[in-house]
Amino acid sequence: MNVKRVIANLVVHLKQFSREKSTIFFVLAFPILLMLLFGFIFSDVGSSVGTLYIQDLDGGAYSQGLVGAFNGTGVFDVTMVDTNISPDQYYADNNIDILLVIPAGYSDSIYMKLLDPASPEANLTILYDQSNTNTQTKISIVGSVIDGMNKELSGSVNYIGVDLQGQQSDEFKFIDFFAPGIIAMSVMSSSLFGTVGMNTELRQKGILRKLATTPLTRAEWLLSNILYQMFMSLLSTVCILAVGMGMFGLRPHINIYMFVFILLCVFSFAGIGMLITRFVKEAESAQAAANAVMFPMMFLSGTFFQLEMMPDFLQTLARFLPLYYVNEGLRAAMISLDYSIILESALVIGTFGTVVFMLGVMLTSWKEN
């Protein structure tokens, strides 16, 4: 392995990049424009997910504490419903999406549960609109608040029950969700199209075959290409983070896990790019094949919007796409610091990236007809 030859080939790629205005646009300007566009449109999303209607039929200490907990989240605008009105009638007449009913005897049930853990839970009732996607987010937050109160009361025993409980936390703004997705998309497109464009151009010009006659080895050539894709990915990441932090108050965690997922994303989609150019020879056909890979992944992997907003069968499909695990891993690394998600996503995308990159390396040949 000759480091000088690797660096020389890397410099060639960087000079080509600086001369191609369209490449500069899609690597740097396009992700920034997306950040600005969606950032301004959804700049207020996340500070509040809307109104939570509550009818307190109990009026006891624990019901008042529950209402206070929902007010204290800063996520809901809590509106109290008159206790003299039927909750079903109020829900039907006022066209609302969610109504939480605290039943009479709720506080007494908790007192009994404290004395005897085997006694029934103090169950709440939730009336909600199944057709409204935003309702699922509200239900998940309600579930999180209930879980927190259960832990405060006992540490292990559930004192409060609720019909629907979600797992998703919504304490962050939309830009916190969106920025890691834009980074993943940018790295994917840069690595995929960079590899496809480079390989097809070199093949059509006959340069790929001639490289076999130079001192440059295939390992050195591949390493310089990966270093180039990594440089482009880090450059676009810096630009995206600068816009997010400067314009929209994004405060990500910059850590080694973030760079690991960027690196794994580069290897995964560079490998896919090598596989495409191995079986699709013409530049136009290879670009079309790359688009056929990128666009479904971009819209089905939770890049722009939460996966829970999609139908169940599309949510299942998304979990078979590599970009989904890059998105989830980057969000866990940069925003929530959920190490279980970091580990799971890294294992999946790491395994996938290793397989496709090794296949791409084995199938890439300089001696082609």
Protein backbone atom coordinates (compact mmCIF):
# COMPACT_ATOMS: atom_id res chain seq x y z
CA MET A 1 0.00 0.00 0.00
CA ASN A 2 1.59 3.26 -1.21
CA VAL A 3 0.19 6.23 0.74
CA LYS A 4 1.49 8.75 -1.80
CA ARG A 5 -0.46 7.13 -4.61
CA VAL A 6 -3.60 7.04 -2.48
CA ILE A 7 -3.25 10.75 -1.65
CA ALA A 8 -2.48 11.62 -5.28
CA ASN A 9 -5.64 9.87 -6.47
CA LEU A 10 -7.63 11.59 -3.72
CA VAL A 11 -6.33 14.99 -4.86
CA VAL A 12 -7.44 14.19 -8.42
CA HIS A 13 -10.97 13.50 -7.19
CA LEU A 14 -11.04 16.73 -5.17
CA LYS A 15 -9.92 18.77 -8.17
CA GLN A 16 -12.65 17.19 -10.28
CA PHE A 17 -15.19 18.00 -7.58
CA SER A 18 -14.15 21.68 -7.49
CA ARG A 19 -14.68 21.93 -11.28
CA GLU A 20 -18.15 20.35 -11.40
CA LYS A 21 -20.79 22.89 -10.40
CA SER A 22 -23.65 20.37 -10.48
CA THR A 23 -21.81 18.06 -8.05
CA ILE A 24 -21.11 20.98 -5.70
CA PHE A 25 -24.80 21.87 -5.77
CA PHE A 26 -26.08 18.40 -4.90
CA VAL A 27 -23.39 17.72 -2.26
CA LEU A 28 -23.55 21.08 -0.47
CA ALA A 29 -26.29 23.42 -1.66
CA PHE A 30 -29.16 20.93 -2.01
CA PRO A 31 -29.05 19.61 1.61
CA ILE A 32 -28.76 23.19 2.88
CA LEU A 33 -31.79 24.26 0.85
CA LEU A 34 -33.78 21.33 2.25
CA MET A 35 -32.77 22.29 5.80
CA LEU A 36 -33.83 25.88 5.25
CA LEU A 37 -37.10 24.95 3.52
CA PHE A 38 -38.32 22.37 6.03
CA GLY A 39 -36.78 24.24 8.95
CA PHE A 40 -38.79 27.39 8.27
CA ILE A 41 -41.98 25.45 7.48
CA PHE A 42 -41.82 23.33 10.66
CA SER A 43 -39.85 25.67 12.92
CA ASP A 44 -42.61 25.67 15.54
CA VAL A 45 -43.33 21.94 15.39
CA GLY A 46 -42.23 20.10 18.52
CA SER A 47 -42.82 22.83 21.09
CA SER A 48 -46.47 21.77 21.20
CA VAL A 49 -48.30 18.91 19.51
CA GLY A 50 -51.71 20.52 20.08
CA THR A 51 -54.51 20.42 22.60
CA LEU A 52 -55.18 17.65 25.10
CA TYR A 53 -58.78 17.69 26.38
CA ILE A 54 -59.18 16.33 29.91
CA GLN A 55 -62.36 15.65 31.86
CA ASP A 56 -61.62 15.16 35.57
CA LEU A 57 -64.59 13.32 37.10
CA ASP A 58 -62.59 12.52 40.23
CA GLY A 59 -61.35 15.88 41.53
CA GLY A 60 -59.02 14.19 44.02
CA ALA A 61 -55.37 14.84 44.80
CA TYR A 62 -54.04 12.26 42.36
CA SER A 63 -56.25 13.40 39.49
CA GLN A 64 -55.12 16.99 40.03
CA GLY A 65 -51.53 15.76 40.10
CA LEU A 66 -52.05 13.99 36.78
CA VAL A 67 -53.47 17.13 35.17
CA GLY A 68 -50.50 19.06 36.53
CA ALA A 69 -48.12 16.50 35.03
CA PHE A 70 -49.63 17.00 31.58
CA ASN A 71 -49.42 20.77 31.97
CA GLY A 72 -45.84 20.44 33.08
CA THR A 73 -44.70 18.64 29.92
CA GLY A 74 -44.81 21.88 27.94
CA VAL A 75 -45.99 19.78 25.00
CA PHE A 76 -49.76 20.00 25.43
CA ASP A 77 -52.18 22.88 25.62
CA VAL A 78 -54.46 21.31 28.26
CA THR A 79 -58.16 22.18 28.08
CA MET A 80 -60.46 21.05 30.89
CA VAL A 81 -63.92 19.75 29.99
CA ASP A 82 -67.02 20.45 32.09
CA THR A 83 -67.73 17.44 34.33
CA ASN A 84 -71.50 17.82 33.82
CA ILE A 85 -71.22 16.92 30.13
CA SER A 86 -71.15 13.36 28.81
CA PRO A 87 -67.60 12.72 27.51
CA ASP A 88 -68.93 10.83 24.48
CA GLN A 89 -71.29 13.67 23.66
CA TYR A 90 -68.60 16.32 24.11
CA TYR A 91 -66.20 14.37 21.89
CA ALA A 92 -68.82 13.97 19.15
CA ASP A 93 -70.11 17.56 19.27
CA ASN A 94 -66.77 19.41 19.32
CA ASN A 95 -64.85 17.56 16.58
CA ILE A 96 -61.76 16.95 18.74
CA ASP A 97 -59.07 14.33 18.21
CA ILE A 98 -58.38 13.14 21.78
CA LEU A 99 -60.18 13.30 25.14
CA LEU A 100 -58.71 11.87 28.34
CA VAL A 101 -61.33 10.98 30.95
CA ILE A 102 -60.24 10.63 34.60
CA PRO A 103 -63.03 8.54 36.16
CA ALA A 104 -64.67 9.10 39.50
CA GLY A 105 -62.86 7.16 42.23
CA TYR A 106 -59.51 7.45 40.45
CA SER A 107 -57.69 8.83 43.53
CA ASP A 108 -59.32 6.25 45.81
CA SER A 109 -58.15 3.47 43.48
CA ILE A 110 -54.58 4.70 43.77
CA TYR A 111 -54.85 4.84 47.59
CA MET A 112 -56.08 1.23 47.57
CA LYS A 113 -53.27 0.21 45.23
CA LEU A 114 -50.73 1.78 47.59
CA LEU A 115 -52.13 -0.28 50.46
CA ASP A 116 -52.60 -3.47 48.47
CA PRO A 117 -50.56 -3.85 45.22
CA ALA A 118 -52.84 -6.71 44.16
CA SER A 119 -55.88 -4.41 43.92
CA PRO A 120 -57.08 -3.22 40.45
CA GLU A 121 -55.36 -0.39 38.60
CA ALA A 122 -56.88 3.07 38.39
CA ASN A 123 -57.83 2.98 34.72
CA LEU A 124 -58.19 6.03 32.53
CA THR A 125 -60.30 6.28 29.38
CA ILE A 126 -59.10 7.83 26.12
CA LEU A 127 -61.44 8.77 23.29
CA TYR A 128 -59.43 9.42 20.14
CA ASP A 129 -59.68 9.83 16.39
CA GLN A 130 -58.06 6.85 14.65
CA SER A 131 -57.91 8.66 11.29
CA ASN A 132 -55.73 11.49 12.65
CA THR A 133 -52.00 10.65 12.50
CA ASN A 134 -51.16 13.36 15.04
CA THR A 135 -53.32 11.56 17.61
CA GLN A 136 -50.85 8.68 17.82
CA THR A 137 -48.13 11.13 18.86
CA LYS A 138 -50.38 12.55 21.58
CA ILE A 139 -51.24 9.06 22.83
CA SER A 140 -47.55 8.13 23.02
CA ILE A 141 -46.85 11.22 25.14
CA VAL A 142 -49.80 10.42 27.41
CA GLY A 143 -48.35 6.92 27.82
CA SER A 144 -44.94 8.37 28.69
CA VAL A 145 -46.45 10.60 31.39
CA ILE A 146 -48.39 7.66 32.84
CA ASP A 147 -45.24 5.53 32.88
CA GLY A 148 -43.40 8.30 34.71
CA MET A 149 -46.11 8.60 37.36
CA ASN A 150 -46.16 4.83 37.86
CA LYS A 151 -42.44 4.84 38.52
CA GLU A 152 -42.73 7.73 40.95
CA LEU A 153 -45.49 5.96 42.87
CA SER A 154 -43.92 2.54 43.13
CA GLY A 155 -40.82 2.04 41.04
CA SER A 156 -42.18 -1.23 39.68
CA VAL A 157 -45.93 -1.79 40.22
CA ASN A 158 -48.35 -0.08 37.79
CA TYR A 159 -50.82 1.98 39.80
CA ILE A 160 -52.33 3.70 36.79
CA GLY A 161 -53.60 1.96 33.66
CA VAL A 162 -54.42 3.39 30.25
CA ASP A 163 -55.93 1.74 27.21
CA LEU A 164 -53.26 2.92 24.74
CA GLN A 165 -49.58 3.46 25.52
CA GLY A 166 -46.87 4.45 23.04
CA GLN A 167 -43.09 4.15 23.13
CA GLN A 168 -42.10 7.30 21.29
CA SER A 169 -40.85 10.35 23.15
CA ASP A 170 -41.71 13.75 21.66
CA GLU A 171 -39.66 16.08 23.79
CA PHE A 172 -37.71 17.41 20.81
CA LYS A 173 -38.54 19.81 18.03
CA PHE A 174 -39.06 18.80 14.43
CA ILE A 175 -35.63 20.09 13.44
CA ASP A 176 -34.03 17.61 15.88
CA PHE A 177 -35.79 14.80 14.04
CA PHE A 178 -35.19 16.25 10.60
CA ALA A 179 -31.47 17.15 10.67
CA PRO A 180 -30.10 13.59 11.15
CA GLY A 181 -32.38 12.41 8.33
CA ILE A 182 -31.01 15.08 5.99
CA ILE A 183 -27.45 14.07 6.93
CA ALA A 184 -28.22 10.41 6.20
CA MET A 185 -29.86 11.30 2.89
CA SER A 186 -26.94 13.53 1.88
CA VAL A 187 -24.35 10.87 2.70
CA MET A 188 -26.39 8.23 0.85
CA SER A 189 -26.78 10.29 -2.32
CA SER A 190 -23.15 11.47 -2.29
CA SER A 191 -21.76 7.94 -1.85
CA LEU A 192 -24.19 6.24 -4.24
CA PHE A 193 -24.07 8.72 -7.10
CA GLY A 194 -20.40 9.50 -6.55
CA THR A 195 -19.51 5.83 -6.96
CA VAL A 196 -21.89 5.26 -9.88
CA GLY A 197 -20.81 8.41 -11.71
CA MET A 198 -17.10 7.77 -11.22
CA ASN A 199 -17.15 4.11 -12.22
CA THR A 200 -19.31 4.55 -15.32
CA GLU A 201 -17.32 7.56 -16.52
CA LEU A 202 -13.99 5.75 -16.12
CA ARG A 203 -15.36 2.66 -17.87
CA GLN A 204 -16.81 4.55 -20.83
CA LYS A 205 -13.58 6.53 -21.32
CA GLY A 206 -11.53 3.35 -21.12
CA ILE A 207 -9.63 4.61 -18.10
CA LEU A 208 -10.77 1.83 -15.79
CA ARG A 209 -9.12 -0.83 -17.96
CA LYS A 210 -5.93 1.22 -18.36
CA LEU A 211 -5.53 1.56 -14.57
CA ALA A 212 -4.46 -2.10 -14.54
CA THR A 213 -1.28 -1.06 -16.39
CA THR A 214 -0.31 1.60 -13.82
CA PRO A 215 1.49 1.15 -10.47
CA LEU A 216 -1.78 2.06 -8.73
CA THR A 217 -3.25 -1.08 -7.15
CA ARG A 218 -6.96 -1.75 -6.93
CA ALA A 219 -6.80 -1.55 -3.10
CA GLU A 220 -5.15 1.92 -3.30
CA TRP A 221 -7.73 3.07 -5.84
CA LEU A 222 -10.64 1.85 -3.70
CA LEU A 223 -9.17 3.42 -0.54
CA SER A 224 -8.72 6.80 -2.21
CA ASN A 225 -12.31 6.63 -3.49
CA ILE A 226 -13.65 5.85 0.00
CA LEU A 227 -11.59 8.68 1.50
CA TYR A 228 -13.04 11.02 -1.12
CA GLN A 229 -16.62 9.93 -0.37
CA MET A 230 -15.95 10.28 3.35
CA PHE A 231 -14.58 13.80 2.84
CA MET A 232 -17.67 14.79 0.81
CA SER A 233 -19.96 13.31 3.47
CA LEU A 234 -18.24 15.15 6.32
CA LEU A 235 -18.28 18.40 4.33
CA SER A 236 -22.03 18.19 3.72
CA THR A 237 -22.60 17.17 7.36
CA VAL A 238 -20.74 20.24 8.60
CA CYS A 239 -22.83 22.48 6.34
CA ILE A 240 -26.11 20.89 7.48
CA LEU A 241 -25.20 21.18 11.17
CA ALA A 242 -24.05 24.78 10.73
CA VAL A 243 -27.42 25.75 9.21
CA GLY A 244 -29.38 23.80 11.82
CA MET A 245 -27.45 25.23 14.77
CA GLY A 246 -27.21 28.76 13.42
CA MET A 247 -30.73 29.18 12.05
CA PHE A 248 -32.98 26.84 14.06
CA GLY A 249 -31.30 26.26 17.41
CA LEU A 250 -30.29 22.66 16.75
CA ARG A 251 -28.14 21.34 19.62
CA PRO A 252 -26.88 17.90 18.60
CA HIS A 253 -24.48 15.64 20.45
CA ILE A 254 -21.28 15.53 18.40
CA ASN A 255 -19.72 12.17 19.28
CA ILE A 256 -17.90 9.19 17.84
CA TYR A 257 -21.17 7.35 17.21
CA MET A 258 -22.28 10.00 14.71
CA PHE A 259 -19.09 9.56 12.68
CA VAL A 260 -19.41 5.76 12.88
CA PHE A 261 -22.85 5.89 11.25
CA ILE A 262 -21.63 8.31 8.57
CA LEU A 263 -18.75 5.94 7.80
CA LEU A 264 -21.05 2.90 7.71
CA CYS A 265 -23.43 4.78 5.42
CA VAL A 266 -20.55 5.60 3.04
CA PHE A 267 -19.46 1.95 2.87
CA SER A 268 -23.03 0.69 2.43
CA PHE A 269 -24.01 2.94 -0.46
CA ALA A 270 -20.59 2.95 -2.09
CA GLY A 271 -20.94 -0.84 -2.13
CA ILE A 272 -24.40 -0.58 -3.68
CA GLY A 273 -22.96 1.83 -6.26
CA MET A 274 -20.22 -0.65 -7.18
CA LEU A 275 -22.80 -3.42 -7.58
CA ILE A 276 -24.95 -1.23 -9.84
CA THR A 277 -22.06 -0.29 -12.12
CA ARG A 278 -20.93 -3.91 -12.30
CA PHE A 279 -24.22 -5.03 -13.84
CA VAL A 280 -25.38 -1.80 -15.57
CA LYS A 281 -22.73 -0.64 -18.02
CA GLU A 282 -24.18 2.54 -19.57
CA ALA A 283 -23.92 5.79 -17.58
CA GLU A 284 -27.54 6.80 -18.19
CA SER A 285 -28.89 3.39 -17.17
CA ALA A 286 -26.65 3.32 -14.09
CA GLN A 287 -27.90 6.75 -12.98
CA ALA A 288 -31.50 5.58 -13.45
CA ALA A 289 -30.79 2.44 -11.40
CA ALA A 290 -29.23 4.57 -8.66
CA ASN A 291 -32.34 6.78 -8.64
CA ALA A 292 -34.51 3.67 -8.40
CA VAL A 293 -32.58 2.68 -5.27
CA MET A 294 -32.33 6.12 -3.66
CA PHE A 295 -35.78 7.66 -4.00
CA PRO A 296 -37.90 4.86 -2.50
CA MET A 297 -35.42 4.63 0.38
CA MET A 298 -35.42 8.38 0.89
CA PHE A 299 -39.21 8.55 1.32
CA LEU A 300 -39.86 5.19 3.03
CA SER A 301 -37.06 5.17 5.62
CA GLY A 302 -38.31 7.95 7.91
CA THR A 303 -35.97 10.61 6.50
CA PHE A 304 -38.45 13.49 6.42
CA PHE A 305 -41.35 12.29 8.57
CA GLN A 306 -41.95 9.90 11.42
CA LEU A 307 -42.40 6.28 10.41
CA GLU A 308 -45.56 6.07 12.56
CA MET A 309 -47.33 8.36 10.08
CA MET A 310 -47.19 5.65 7.39
CA PRO A 311 -49.42 2.57 7.00
CA ASP A 312 -48.35 -0.54 8.88
CA PHE A 313 -47.17 -2.44 5.78
CA LEU A 314 -44.90 0.47 4.80
CA GLN A 315 -43.51 0.62 8.34
CA THR A 316 -42.64 -3.07 8.02
CA LEU A 317 -41.05 -2.48 4.61
CA ALA A 318 -38.97 0.42 5.98
CA ARG A 319 -37.27 -1.89 8.46
CA PHE A 320 -35.76 -3.82 5.55
CA LEU A 321 -34.12 -0.69 4.11
CA PRO A 322 -30.54 0.21 5.12
CA LEU A 323 -31.23 3.95 5.25
CA TYR A 324 -33.78 3.36 8.03
CA TYR A 325 -31.02 2.12 10.35
CA VAL A 326 -28.74 5.01 9.41
CA ASN A 327 -31.58 7.43 10.23
CA GLU A 328 -32.38 5.72 13.52
CA GLY A 329 -28.72 5.41 14.49
CA LEU A 330 -27.92 9.05 13.75
CA ARG A 331 -30.97 10.29 15.69
CA ALA A 332 -30.07 8.09 18.65
CA ALA A 333 -26.43 9.25 18.51
CA MET A 334 -27.05 12.96 17.91
CA ILE A 335 -30.29 13.64 19.77
CA SER A 336 -31.58 11.06 22.24
CA LEU A 337 -28.35 9.18 23.13
CA ASP A 338 -30.32 5.93 23.24
CA TYR A 339 -27.47 3.41 23.34
CA SER A 340 -29.70 0.39 22.71
CA ILE A 341 -30.86 1.89 19.40
CA ILE A 342 -27.27 2.93 18.59
CA LEU A 343 -26.03 -0.63 19.10
CA GLU A 344 -28.89 -2.28 17.22
CA SER A 345 -28.69 0.11 14.26
CA ALA A 346 -24.88 -0.11 14.09
CA LEU A 347 -25.00 -3.91 14.02
CA VAL A 348 -27.57 -3.97 11.22
CA ILE A 349 -26.06 -1.30 8.98
CA GLY A 350 -22.54 -2.51 9.79
CA THR A 351 -23.37 -6.05 8.69
CA PHE A 352 -25.17 -4.83 5.58
CA GLY A 353 -22.36 -2.41 4.67
CA THR A 354 -19.67 -5.05 5.09
CA VAL A 355 -21.52 -7.54 2.86
CA VAL A 356 -22.38 -5.19 -0.01
CA PHE A 357 -18.99 -3.45 0.04
CA MET A 358 -17.08 -6.74 -0.07
CA LEU A 359 -19.33 -7.95 -2.90
CA GLY A 360 -18.70 -4.68 -4.74
CA VAL A 361 -14.94 -5.03 -4.30
CA MET A 362 -14.92 -8.63 -5.52
CA LEU A 363 -17.07 -7.85 -8.57
CA THR A 364 -15.24 -4.64 -9.57
CA SER A 365 -12.69 -5.46 -12.25
CA TRP A 366 -10.35 -3.27 -14.26
CA LYS A 367 -10.01 -5.84 -17.02
CA GLU A 368 -13.42 -5.50 -18.65
CA ASN A 369 -14.30 -5.82 -22.30
